[in-house]
């Protein structure tokens, strides 16, 4: 049972300080009275002036209580988080007495499943995995990690939040799962529509759904920037891991000045005990390489005139009109809403979303034209495709991705759909393949073995396996 310090001391103050003191105390040893007592005395006074004083004193007292309670909550959560990080992976159950060889009894703390305290849990039998469905990238990389965890014998339950997950293909690996309405943004003609986004936010429903969800019985919670599972981990005091590109923003990576104010929101949207950020380069920080689908390889022979297009946030007619002018190339367009069957018009090949067909076209194409989402760019870099991105305006992550892509000289970016930029990019040479390692397998094995290594060590080992990056030494 938890007691409030203010509530526990209130009776002592009322009993020990019931007095009317005329002089204002100037030292700690001077006579004083309690503010509640002063309020009662002023409330009984018939003079009109004491009505205002009483109201002001009540407001001061309420403000003091709110500030003190908020400070207590913040301190409690901060120290609880530190304790969780310090003892992460341990479960103390009971203490027993055992008689040693010399006949002396010794006391030991017994751990979870009979293990001695000091050993981490080598297996996590039941895992809750939160997946954000606002973008295809969250689903793609979560699919790879979940498949690895299940192959190692773990029981994984999935919680979707955001948009309807049924719009994605190949969801068999995510069973069993449940979905709830979450928080997402609205777009219009290639930019985030702030007003529509604010109107669509239903914080009452969000916190109501968060209160109704149950995480009892889980050994570990993993979140791919999913807010419900982050809050369930804190409420049920369950160790949590965050796996996703957004967690790379916890470190010093390329980002625009306009993006930095959003960091405060980002770090409080889907918090966790152990963040594992993903990026195309480590930037001398403990960041992991991207998660790419197992088996994704470059086709033996590239079709140079075949270009893969994924611009779901742009106006479809604008995209078609722009690309139809490039007669020497064929554009395979994915992500347009309302497309149920393949449609070929001149040099434009519009396709309904199919994960298998999408990866085949990616493997065979000569380049990728897309918004600046992280996952597709990672897959293209992995097999050596040239990239041109048009970031979604007002979306912090995509604007930062475009900046990083250009600074690392891995691709090109344009602020708007520009015919001259596209023509110049089509004639550009192809970059070498990055050859990222099996990051999903590395992370899953780390979880399976009880997370004994620090994330810094895990990242160093992963980058040493990356073919396209020369790794020299440890992170600074």
Protein backbone atom coordinates (compact mmCIF):
# COMPACT_ATOMS: atom_id res chain seq x y z
CA UNK A 1 0.00 0.00 0.00
CA UNK A 2 1.31 3.42 -0.94
CA UNK A 3 0.77 6.49 1.22
CA UNK A 4 0.97 10.10 0.22
CA UNK A 5 3.39 12.09 2.35
CA UNK A 6 1.02 15.05 2.35
CA UNK A 7 -1.94 12.93 3.49
CA UNK A 8 0.10 11.26 6.21
CA UNK A 9 1.34 14.53 7.70
CA UNK A 10 -1.92 16.46 7.40
CA UNK A 11 -3.37 15.25 10.75
CA UNK A 12 -0.12 16.16 12.53
CA UNK A 13 -0.18 19.63 11.05
CA UNK A 14 -3.83 20.15 12.00
CA UNK A 15 -3.30 18.99 15.59
CA UNK A 16 0.08 20.56 16.23
CA UNK A 17 -0.42 23.92 14.53
CA UNK A 18 -3.97 25.00 15.41
CA UNK A 19 -3.16 28.54 16.41
CA UNK A 20 -3.70 32.10 15.26
CA UNK A 21 -0.35 33.77 14.67
CA UNK A 22 -0.27 37.48 14.00
CA UNK A 23 3.40 37.90 13.06
CA UNK A 24 4.76 36.53 9.78
CA UNK A 25 7.41 33.88 10.55
CA UNK A 26 10.91 34.77 9.33
CA UNK A 27 12.83 31.70 10.59
CA UNK A 28 12.12 28.00 10.84
CA UNK A 29 11.92 28.25 14.63
CA UNK A 30 9.32 31.05 14.64
CA UNK A 31 5.70 30.23 15.59
CA UNK A 32 3.57 29.37 12.54
CA UNK A 33 0.16 28.04 11.59
CA UNK A 34 -1.06 25.64 8.91
CA UNK A 35 -2.64 27.04 5.76
CA UNK A 36 -5.83 24.92 6.14
CA UNK A 37 -6.29 26.36 9.64
CA UNK A 38 -5.83 29.88 8.31
CA UNK A 39 -8.44 29.19 5.61
CA UNK A 40 -10.94 28.01 8.25
CA UNK A 41 -10.32 31.11 10.36
CA UNK A 42 -10.76 33.48 7.41
CA UNK A 43 -13.89 31.64 6.23
CA UNK A 44 -15.55 32.27 9.62
CA UNK A 45 -14.80 36.01 9.54
CA UNK A 46 -17.85 38.15 8.67
CA UNK A 47 -15.85 40.88 6.90
CA UNK A 48 -16.18 41.01 3.11
CA UNK A 49 -12.42 41.34 2.59
CA UNK A 50 -11.80 37.88 4.03
CA UNK A 51 -13.88 36.27 1.25
CA UNK A 52 -11.22 37.18 -1.30
CA UNK A 53 -8.41 36.11 1.04
CA UNK A 54 -10.12 32.76 1.64
CA UNK A 55 -10.53 32.12 -2.10
CA UNK A 56 -6.93 33.05 -2.79
CA UNK A 57 -5.67 30.80 0.01
CA UNK A 58 -7.71 27.86 -1.33
CA UNK A 59 -6.22 28.36 -4.79
CA UNK A 60 -2.70 28.52 -3.36
CA UNK A 61 -3.30 25.36 -1.34
CA UNK A 62 -4.67 23.45 -4.36
CA UNK A 63 -1.77 24.61 -6.55
CA UNK A 64 0.72 23.48 -3.90
CA UNK A 65 -0.92 20.04 -3.66
CA UNK A 66 -0.94 19.60 -7.44
CA UNK A 67 2.72 20.62 -7.80
CA UNK A 68 3.86 18.37 -4.95
CA UNK A 69 1.87 15.41 -6.22
CA UNK A 70 3.21 15.88 -9.76
CA UNK A 71 6.76 16.04 -8.43
CA UNK A 72 6.19 12.85 -6.43
CA UNK A 73 4.81 11.01 -9.49
CA UNK A 74 7.72 12.13 -11.69
CA UNK A 75 10.33 11.10 -9.11
CA UNK A 76 8.64 7.77 -8.49
CA UNK A 77 8.50 6.90 -12.20
CA UNK A 78 12.10 7.98 -12.75
CA UNK A 79 13.45 5.85 -9.90
CA UNK A 80 11.17 2.93 -10.85
CA UNK A 81 12.56 3.07 -14.38
CA UNK A 82 16.13 3.04 -13.07
CA UNK A 83 15.37 0.07 -10.84
CA UNK A 84 13.74 -1.75 -13.73
CA UNK A 85 16.77 -1.15 -15.93
CA UNK A 86 19.12 -2.27 -13.16
CA UNK A 87 17.25 -5.48 -12.42
CA UNK A 88 15.91 -6.04 -15.92
CA UNK A 89 15.55 -9.73 -16.61
CA UNK A 90 15.44 -10.80 -12.94
CA UNK A 91 12.47 -12.07 -10.99
CA UNK A 92 12.85 -12.46 -7.19
CA UNK A 93 10.32 -14.95 -5.83
CA UNK A 94 11.19 -16.12 -2.32
CA UNK A 95 14.09 -16.65 0.03
CA UNK A 96 15.15 -20.08 1.24
CA UNK A 97 17.69 -21.42 3.70
CA UNK A 98 20.06 -24.17 2.60
CA UNK A 99 22.67 -26.05 4.62
CA UNK A 100 26.08 -26.09 2.98
CA UNK A 101 28.81 -28.73 3.15
CA UNK A 102 30.15 -27.30 6.42
CA UNK A 103 26.74 -27.52 8.04
CA UNK A 104 26.16 -23.75 8.09
CA UNK A 105 22.85 -22.50 6.81
CA UNK A 106 23.02 -19.92 4.05
CA UNK A 107 20.19 -17.81 2.68
CA UNK A 108 19.64 -17.46 -1.03
CA UNK A 109 17.16 -15.62 -3.13
CA UNK A 110 15.50 -18.01 -5.54
CA UNK A 111 14.87 -16.60 -8.99
CA UNK A 112 12.24 -17.20 -11.65
CA UNK A 113 11.86 -20.86 -12.64
CA UNK A 114 14.22 -21.84 -9.82
CA UNK A 115 17.23 -19.96 -11.17
CA UNK A 116 19.55 -18.22 -8.77
CA UNK A 117 19.42 -14.45 -8.49
CA UNK A 118 22.13 -13.04 -10.77
CA UNK A 119 21.14 -15.10 -13.80
CA UNK A 120 19.11 -13.46 -16.52
CA UNK A 121 16.10 -15.25 -17.94
CA UNK A 122 17.42 -17.23 -20.89
CA UNK A 123 14.01 -17.70 -22.48
CA UNK A 124 11.02 -15.44 -22.75
CA UNK A 125 8.09 -17.77 -23.26
CA UNK A 126 5.32 -15.23 -23.75
CA UNK A 127 5.88 -11.96 -25.63
CA UNK A 128 3.49 -9.14 -26.49
CA UNK A 129 4.57 -7.40 -29.69
CA UNK A 130 3.10 -3.98 -30.56
CA UNK A 131 3.03 -2.96 -34.24
CA UNK A 132 2.18 0.52 -35.50
CA UNK A 133 0.13 0.24 -38.73
CA UNK A 134 0.36 3.85 -39.92
CA UNK A 135 3.01 2.74 -42.40
CA UNK A 136 4.03 -0.40 -44.22
CA UNK A 137 7.58 -0.26 -42.80
CA UNK A 138 6.52 -1.10 -39.24
CA UNK A 139 4.67 -4.18 -40.45
CA UNK A 140 7.52 -5.35 -42.71
CA UNK A 141 10.30 -5.29 -40.13
CA UNK A 142 8.06 -6.63 -37.34
CA UNK A 143 7.21 -9.57 -39.58
CA UNK A 144 10.88 -10.53 -39.76
CA UNK A 145 11.54 -10.26 -36.01
CA UNK A 146 8.34 -12.12 -35.05
CA UNK A 147 9.10 -14.94 -37.48
CA UNK A 148 12.56 -15.38 -35.91
CA UNK A 149 11.18 -15.34 -32.36
CA UNK A 150 8.52 -17.92 -33.19
CA UNK A 151 11.11 -20.13 -34.89
CA UNK A 152 13.03 -20.12 -31.59
CA UNK A 153 9.98 -21.42 -29.74
CA UNK A 154 8.60 -18.21 -28.23
CA UNK A 155 4.89 -17.51 -27.95
CA UNK A 156 4.26 -14.13 -29.55
CA UNK A 157 0.97 -12.23 -29.42
CA UNK A 158 0.59 -9.14 -31.60
CA UNK A 159 -1.23 -5.88 -30.93
CA UNK A 160 -1.90 -3.66 -33.96
CA UNK A 161 -2.79 0.01 -33.57
CA UNK A 162 -3.31 2.80 -36.07
CA UNK A 163 -4.95 2.02 -39.38
CA UNK A 164 -6.78 -1.20 -40.24
CA UNK A 165 -4.10 -3.93 -40.56
CA UNK A 166 -6.22 -5.90 -43.05
CA UNK A 167 -5.01 -3.57 -45.80
CA UNK A 168 -1.61 -5.28 -45.53
CA UNK A 169 -0.84 -8.60 -47.18
CA UNK A 170 0.66 -11.80 -45.72
CA UNK A 171 -0.37 -11.39 -42.09
CA UNK A 172 -0.20 -15.09 -41.18
CA UNK A 173 2.95 -14.70 -39.09
CA UNK A 174 1.16 -12.12 -36.87
CA UNK A 175 -1.42 -14.59 -35.52
CA UNK A 176 -2.72 -14.48 -32.85
CA UNK A 177 -3.37 -10.75 -32.90
CA UNK A 178 -5.81 -8.03 -31.98
CA UNK A 179 -6.16 -4.46 -33.25
CA UNK A 180 -7.27 -1.18 -31.69
CA UNK A 181 -7.72 2.31 -33.05
CA UNK A 182 -4.62 4.31 -32.32
CA UNK A 183 -3.15 7.69 -33.18
CA UNK A 184 -2.16 8.54 -36.74
CA UNK A 185 -1.71 11.55 -39.03
CA UNK A 186 -3.72 12.75 -42.03
CA UNK A 187 -2.13 13.68 -45.34
CA UNK A 188 -3.23 15.70 -48.35
CA UNK A 189 -1.32 16.07 -51.62
CA UNK A 190 2.09 15.10 -50.30
CA UNK A 191 2.06 16.88 -46.94
CA UNK A 192 0.82 16.28 -43.42
CA UNK A 193 -2.51 18.06 -42.94
CA UNK A 194 -2.17 19.40 -39.40
CA UNK A 195 -5.77 20.55 -38.95
CA UNK A 196 -7.26 17.23 -40.11
CA UNK A 197 -4.79 15.36 -37.93
CA UNK A 198 -5.81 17.33 -34.84
CA UNK A 199 -9.50 16.78 -35.60
CA UNK A 200 -8.97 13.03 -35.95
CA UNK A 201 -7.20 12.69 -32.60
CA UNK A 202 -9.46 11.07 -30.03
CA UNK A 203 -7.42 11.11 -26.83
CA UNK A 204 -10.37 10.02 -24.70
CA UNK A 205 -10.78 6.85 -26.77
CA UNK A 206 -7.02 6.30 -26.76
CA UNK A 207 -6.71 6.36 -22.95
CA UNK A 208 -9.94 4.39 -22.57
CA UNK A 209 -8.62 1.62 -24.84
CA UNK A 210 -5.26 1.72 -23.04
CA UNK A 211 -7.03 1.18 -19.70
CA UNK A 212 -9.04 -1.75 -21.05
CA UNK A 213 -6.07 -3.67 -22.47
CA UNK A 214 -4.57 -6.41 -20.32
CA UNK A 215 -0.91 -7.50 -20.32
CA UNK A 216 -0.94 -9.84 -17.32
CA UNK A 217 1.12 -12.98 -17.83
CA UNK A 218 3.58 -11.64 -20.40
CA UNK A 219 7.32 -11.96 -19.77
CA UNK A 220 8.42 -9.31 -22.27
CA UNK A 221 6.86 -6.52 -24.32
CA UNK A 222 8.36 -5.41 -27.64
CA UNK A 223 7.09 -2.29 -29.40
CA UNK A 224 7.73 -1.10 -32.93
CA UNK A 225 6.88 2.48 -32.00
CA UNK A 226 3.44 1.35 -30.85
CA UNK A 227 2.04 3.48 -27.97
CA UNK A 228 -0.39 1.03 -26.30
CA UNK A 229 2.20 -1.65 -25.56
CA UNK A 230 4.59 1.02 -24.27
CA UNK A 231 2.03 2.05 -21.66
CA UNK A 232 1.11 -1.55 -20.82
CA UNK A 233 4.76 -2.29 -20.06
CA UNK A 234 4.94 0.60 -17.64
CA UNK A 235 1.61 -0.21 -15.97
CA UNK A 236 2.38 -3.90 -15.44
CA UNK A 237 6.11 -3.37 -14.76
CA UNK A 238 7.12 -5.67 -17.63
CA UNK A 239 10.55 -5.29 -19.29
CA UNK A 240 10.15 -3.58 -22.67
CA UNK A 241 12.23 -3.29 -25.84
CA UNK A 242 11.67 -0.78 -28.62
CA UNK A 243 12.74 -1.89 -32.12
CA UNK A 244 12.40 0.62 -34.92
CA UNK A 245 13.86 3.46 -36.93
CA UNK A 246 12.26 6.07 -34.65
CA UNK A 247 14.45 4.96 -31.74
CA UNK A 248 17.54 6.03 -33.71
CA UNK A 249 16.40 9.62 -33.08
CA UNK A 250 17.42 9.14 -29.45
CA UNK A 251 20.98 9.68 -30.72
CA UNK A 252 22.81 12.37 -32.67
CA UNK A 253 21.80 11.58 -36.25
CA UNK A 254 21.19 13.94 -39.22
CA UNK A 255 17.93 15.85 -38.89
CA UNK A 256 16.68 19.27 -39.89
CA UNK A 257 16.34 22.14 -37.43
CA UNK A 258 12.55 22.07 -37.87
CA UNK A 259 12.52 18.44 -36.75
CA UNK A 260 14.15 18.94 -33.35
CA UNK A 261 11.04 20.33 -31.56
CA UNK A 262 9.24 17.07 -32.42
CA UNK A 263 11.81 15.01 -30.49
CA UNK A 264 10.02 15.73 -27.23
CA UNK A 265 6.84 14.12 -28.60
CA UNK A 266 8.71 11.26 -30.26
CA UNK A 267 10.47 10.22 -27.05
CA UNK A 268 7.18 10.15 -25.12
CA UNK A 269 4.98 8.50 -27.74
CA UNK A 270 6.24 4.91 -27.49
CA UNK A 271 8.81 4.83 -24.67
CA UNK A 272 10.60 1.66 -23.56
CA UNK A 273 13.31 0.35 -21.23
CA UNK A 274 15.73 -0.65 -24.01
CA UNK A 275 15.53 1.29 -27.29
CA UNK A 276 17.08 -0.34 -30.38
CA UNK A 277 17.32 2.20 -33.18
CA UNK A 278 17.78 1.22 -36.82
CA UNK A 279 19.51 3.28 -39.52
CA UNK A 280 21.52 2.99 -42.71
CA UNK A 281 24.71 4.01 -40.88
CA UNK A 282 25.72 3.90 -37.23
CA UNK A 283 26.89 7.58 -36.95
CA UNK A 284 29.29 6.41 -34.23
CA UNK A 285 26.30 5.57 -32.00
CA UNK A 286 24.85 2.23 -30.78
CA UNK A 287 22.41 2.01 -33.70
CA UNK A 288 21.64 -1.28 -35.49
CA UNK A 289 21.59 -1.83 -39.28
CA UNK A 290 18.17 -1.94 -40.96
CA UNK A 291 15.95 -5.02 -40.93
CA UNK A 292 15.47 -6.31 -44.48
CA UNK A 293 13.46 -9.36 -45.62
CA UNK A 294 15.32 -12.63 -45.52
CA UNK A 295 16.15 -13.82 -49.02
CA UNK A 296 15.88 -10.40 -50.69
CA UNK A 297 18.50 -10.42 -53.43
CA UNK A 298 19.26 -8.46 -56.56
CA UNK A 299 17.99 -10.15 -59.73
CA UNK A 300 20.72 -11.72 -61.90
CA UNK A 301 19.99 -9.19 -64.62
CA UNK A 302 18.57 -5.75 -63.91
CA UNK A 303 16.01 -4.20 -66.21
CA UNK A 304 17.46 -0.71 -66.46
CA UNK A 305 14.33 0.90 -67.86
CA UNK A 306 12.12 -0.58 -65.09
CA UNK A 307 11.52 1.85 -62.22
CA UNK A 308 9.65 0.98 -59.02
CA UNK A 309 7.39 3.81 -57.78
CA UNK A 310 5.87 4.02 -54.30
CA UNK A 311 4.29 7.43 -53.64
CA UNK A 312 1.15 6.68 -51.59
CA UNK A 313 0.93 10.21 -50.12
CA UNK A 314 0.99 12.03 -53.48
CA UNK A 315 -1.90 12.87 -55.79
CA UNK A 316 -2.28 9.86 -58.18
CA UNK A 317 -3.12 11.94 -61.25
CA UNK A 318 -0.15 14.22 -60.69
CA UNK A 319 2.17 11.21 -60.43
CA UNK A 320 0.79 9.63 -63.61
CA UNK A 321 1.00 12.84 -65.58
CA UNK A 322 4.59 13.44 -64.49
CA UNK A 323 5.91 9.94 -65.25
CA UNK A 324 4.10 9.42 -68.55
CA UNK A 325 6.54 11.89 -70.20
CA UNK A 326 9.51 9.51 -69.73
CA UNK A 327 8.85 7.14 -72.64
CA UNK A 328 12.16 5.27 -72.32
CA UNK A 329 11.26 3.82 -68.92
CA UNK A 330 8.45 1.70 -67.56
CA UNK A 331 7.17 2.69 -64.13
CA UNK A 332 5.67 0.04 -61.85
CA UNK A 333 3.48 2.04 -59.48
CA UNK A 334 2.35 0.73 -56.08
CA UNK A 335 0.44 2.35 -53.24
CA UNK A 336 -2.38 4.08 -55.16
CA UNK A 337 -5.72 3.79 -53.38
CA UNK A 338 -8.64 2.03 -55.03
CA UNK A 339 -6.50 -0.24 -57.25
CA UNK A 340 -7.76 -3.84 -57.13
CA UNK A 341 -6.26 -5.22 -60.35
CA UNK A 342 -3.15 -4.63 -62.48
CA UNK A 343 -3.53 -1.90 -65.08
CA UNK A 344 -1.11 -1.01 -67.90
CA UNK A 345 -1.43 2.34 -69.70
CA UNK A 346 1.44 3.20 -72.05
CA UNK A 347 4.61 3.21 -69.90
CA UNK A 348 2.71 3.13 -66.60
CA UNK A 349 2.06 -0.21 -64.87
CA UNK A 350 -0.23 0.34 -61.91
CA UNK A 351 -0.26 -2.59 -59.47
CA UNK A 352 -2.40 -3.51 -56.44
CA UNK A 353 -0.36 -4.10 -53.33
CA UNK A 354 1.20 -7.54 -53.15
CA UNK A 355 4.21 -8.13 -50.96
CA UNK A 356 5.52 -10.91 -53.21
CA UNK A 357 5.03 -8.92 -56.42
CA UNK A 358 6.48 -5.80 -54.82
CA UNK A 359 9.69 -7.56 -53.79
CA UNK A 360 10.04 -9.17 -57.24
CA UNK A 361 9.74 -5.80 -58.97
CA UNK A 362 12.17 -4.30 -56.45
CA UNK A 363 14.69 -7.03 -57.18
CA UNK A 364 14.45 -6.53 -60.96
CA UNK A 365 14.14 -2.75 -61.22
CA UNK A 366 16.84 -0.25 -62.06
CA UNK A 367 15.83 2.30 -59.41
CA UNK A 368 13.28 3.31 -56.78
CA UNK A 369 11.22 6.52 -56.75
CA UNK A 370 9.38 6.89 -53.45
CA UNK A 371 8.53 8.95 -50.43
CA UNK A 372 11.22 8.93 -47.73
CA UNK A 373 9.93 6.06 -45.62
CA UNK A 374 12.72 4.12 -43.95
CA UNK A 375 11.98 0.49 -44.81
CA UNK A 376 11.73 0.63 -48.61
CA UNK A 377 14.91 2.71 -48.83
CA UNK A 378 16.67 0.14 -46.63
CA UNK A 379 15.62 -2.70 -48.93
CA UNK A 380 16.78 -0.76 -52.00
CA UNK A 381 20.15 0.06 -50.42
CA UNK A 382 20.60 -3.55 -49.38
CA UNK A 383 20.58 -4.78 -52.99
CA UNK A 384 22.17 -1.72 -54.62
CA UNK A 385 19.31 0.22 -56.22
CA UNK A 386 19.57 3.92 -56.96
CA UNK A 387 17.04 5.95 -55.01
CA UNK A 388 15.21 9.25 -55.46
CA UNK A 389 12.91 10.32 -52.63
CA UNK A 390 10.33 13.05 -52.18
CA UNK A 391 9.74 13.35 -48.40
CA UNK A 392 6.27 13.92 -47.01
CA UNK A 393 6.21 17.59 -46.04
CA UNK A 394 5.70 18.19 -42.33
CA UNK A 395 6.63 14.62 -41.40
CA UNK A 396 9.72 14.75 -39.19
CA UNK A 397 10.98 11.25 -39.88
CA UNK A 398 10.78 11.49 -43.67
CA UNK A 399 12.42 14.90 -43.82
CA UNK A 400 15.28 13.60 -41.66
CA UNK A 401 15.59 10.47 -43.80
CA UNK A 402 15.95 12.55 -46.96
CA UNK A 403 18.64 14.66 -45.30
CA UNK A 404 20.56 11.57 -44.12
CA UNK A 405 20.28 9.90 -47.52
CA UNK A 406 21.90 12.88 -49.26
CA UNK A 407 24.60 13.41 -46.59
CA UNK A 408 25.60 9.76 -46.74
CA UNK A 409 25.65 9.99 -50.57
CA UNK A 410 23.38 6.98 -50.82
CA UNK A 411 20.62 8.60 -52.87
CA UNK A 412 18.98 11.80 -54.10
CA UNK A 413 16.10 13.86 -52.73
CA UNK A 414 13.71 16.49 -54.12
CA UNK A 415 11.45 18.85 -52.19
CA UNK A 416 8.57 18.43 -54.68
CA UNK A 417 7.79 16.27 -57.70
CA UNK A 418 10.20 17.83 -60.16
CA UNK A 419 10.56 16.65 -63.78
CA UNK A 420 14.18 17.87 -64.07
CA UNK A 421 15.27 16.08 -60.89
CA UNK A 422 13.73 12.84 -62.12
CA UNK A 423 15.38 13.08 -65.53
CA UNK A 424 18.81 13.74 -63.99
CA UNK A 425 18.36 10.87 -61.55
CA UNK A 426 17.34 8.39 -64.28
CA UNK A 427 20.71 8.94 -65.97
CA UNK A 428 22.73 8.57 -62.73
CA UNK A 429 24.89 5.47 -62.05
CA UNK A 430 23.97 2.74 -59.59
CA UNK A 431 25.45 2.62 -56.07
CA UNK A 432 27.08 -0.52 -54.66
CA UNK A 433 24.95 -2.86 -52.58
CA UNK A 434 25.17 -2.28 -48.82
CA UNK A 435 24.63 -5.94 -47.96
CA UNK A 436 23.12 -5.45 -44.52
CA UNK A 437 23.26 -8.46 -42.14
CA UNK A 438 20.29 -10.44 -40.85
CA UNK A 439 19.49 -7.86 -38.18
CA UNK A 440 16.18 -9.48 -37.24
CA UNK A 441 17.95 -12.77 -36.53
CA UNK A 442 20.65 -11.00 -34.50
CA UNK A 443 18.10 -9.18 -32.32
CA UNK A 444 15.92 -12.27 -31.87
CA UNK A 445 18.94 -14.36 -30.83
CA UNK A 446 19.94 -11.64 -28.36
CA UNK A 447 16.45 -11.76 -26.81
CA UNK A 448 16.48 -15.57 -26.78
CA UNK A 449 19.79 -15.64 -24.92
CA UNK A 450 18.49 -13.34 -22.18
CA UNK A 451 19.85 -9.97 -23.43
CA UNK A 452 23.20 -10.47 -21.70
CA UNK A 453 25.06 -8.14 -24.08
CA UNK A 454 24.69 -4.40 -24.09
CA UNK A 455 23.05 -2.85 -27.14
CA UNK A 456 26.39 -1.19 -27.93
CA UNK A 457 28.10 -4.58 -28.22
CA UNK A 458 25.23 -5.95 -30.28
CA UNK A 459 25.45 -3.03 -32.72
CA UNK A 460 29.22 -3.36 -33.11
CA UNK A 461 28.88 -7.03 -34.02
CA UNK A 462 26.11 -6.28 -36.53
CA UNK A 463 28.03 -3.53 -38.34
CA UNK A 464 31.07 -5.78 -38.66
CA UNK A 465 28.86 -8.08 -40.75
CA UNK A 466 27.73 -5.27 -43.08
CA UNK A 467 29.39 -5.67 -46.45
CA UNK A 468 28.99 -2.09 -47.72
CA UNK A 469 30.44 -0.30 -44.68
CA UNK A 470 34.04 -0.51 -43.52
CA UNK A 471 33.88 -0.85 -39.74
CA UNK A 472 37.04 0.22 -37.95
CA UNK A 473 36.53 0.44 -34.19
CA UNK A 474 34.02 0.71 -31.36
CA UNK A 475 31.59 3.53 -30.94
CA UNK A 476 32.87 6.71 -29.37
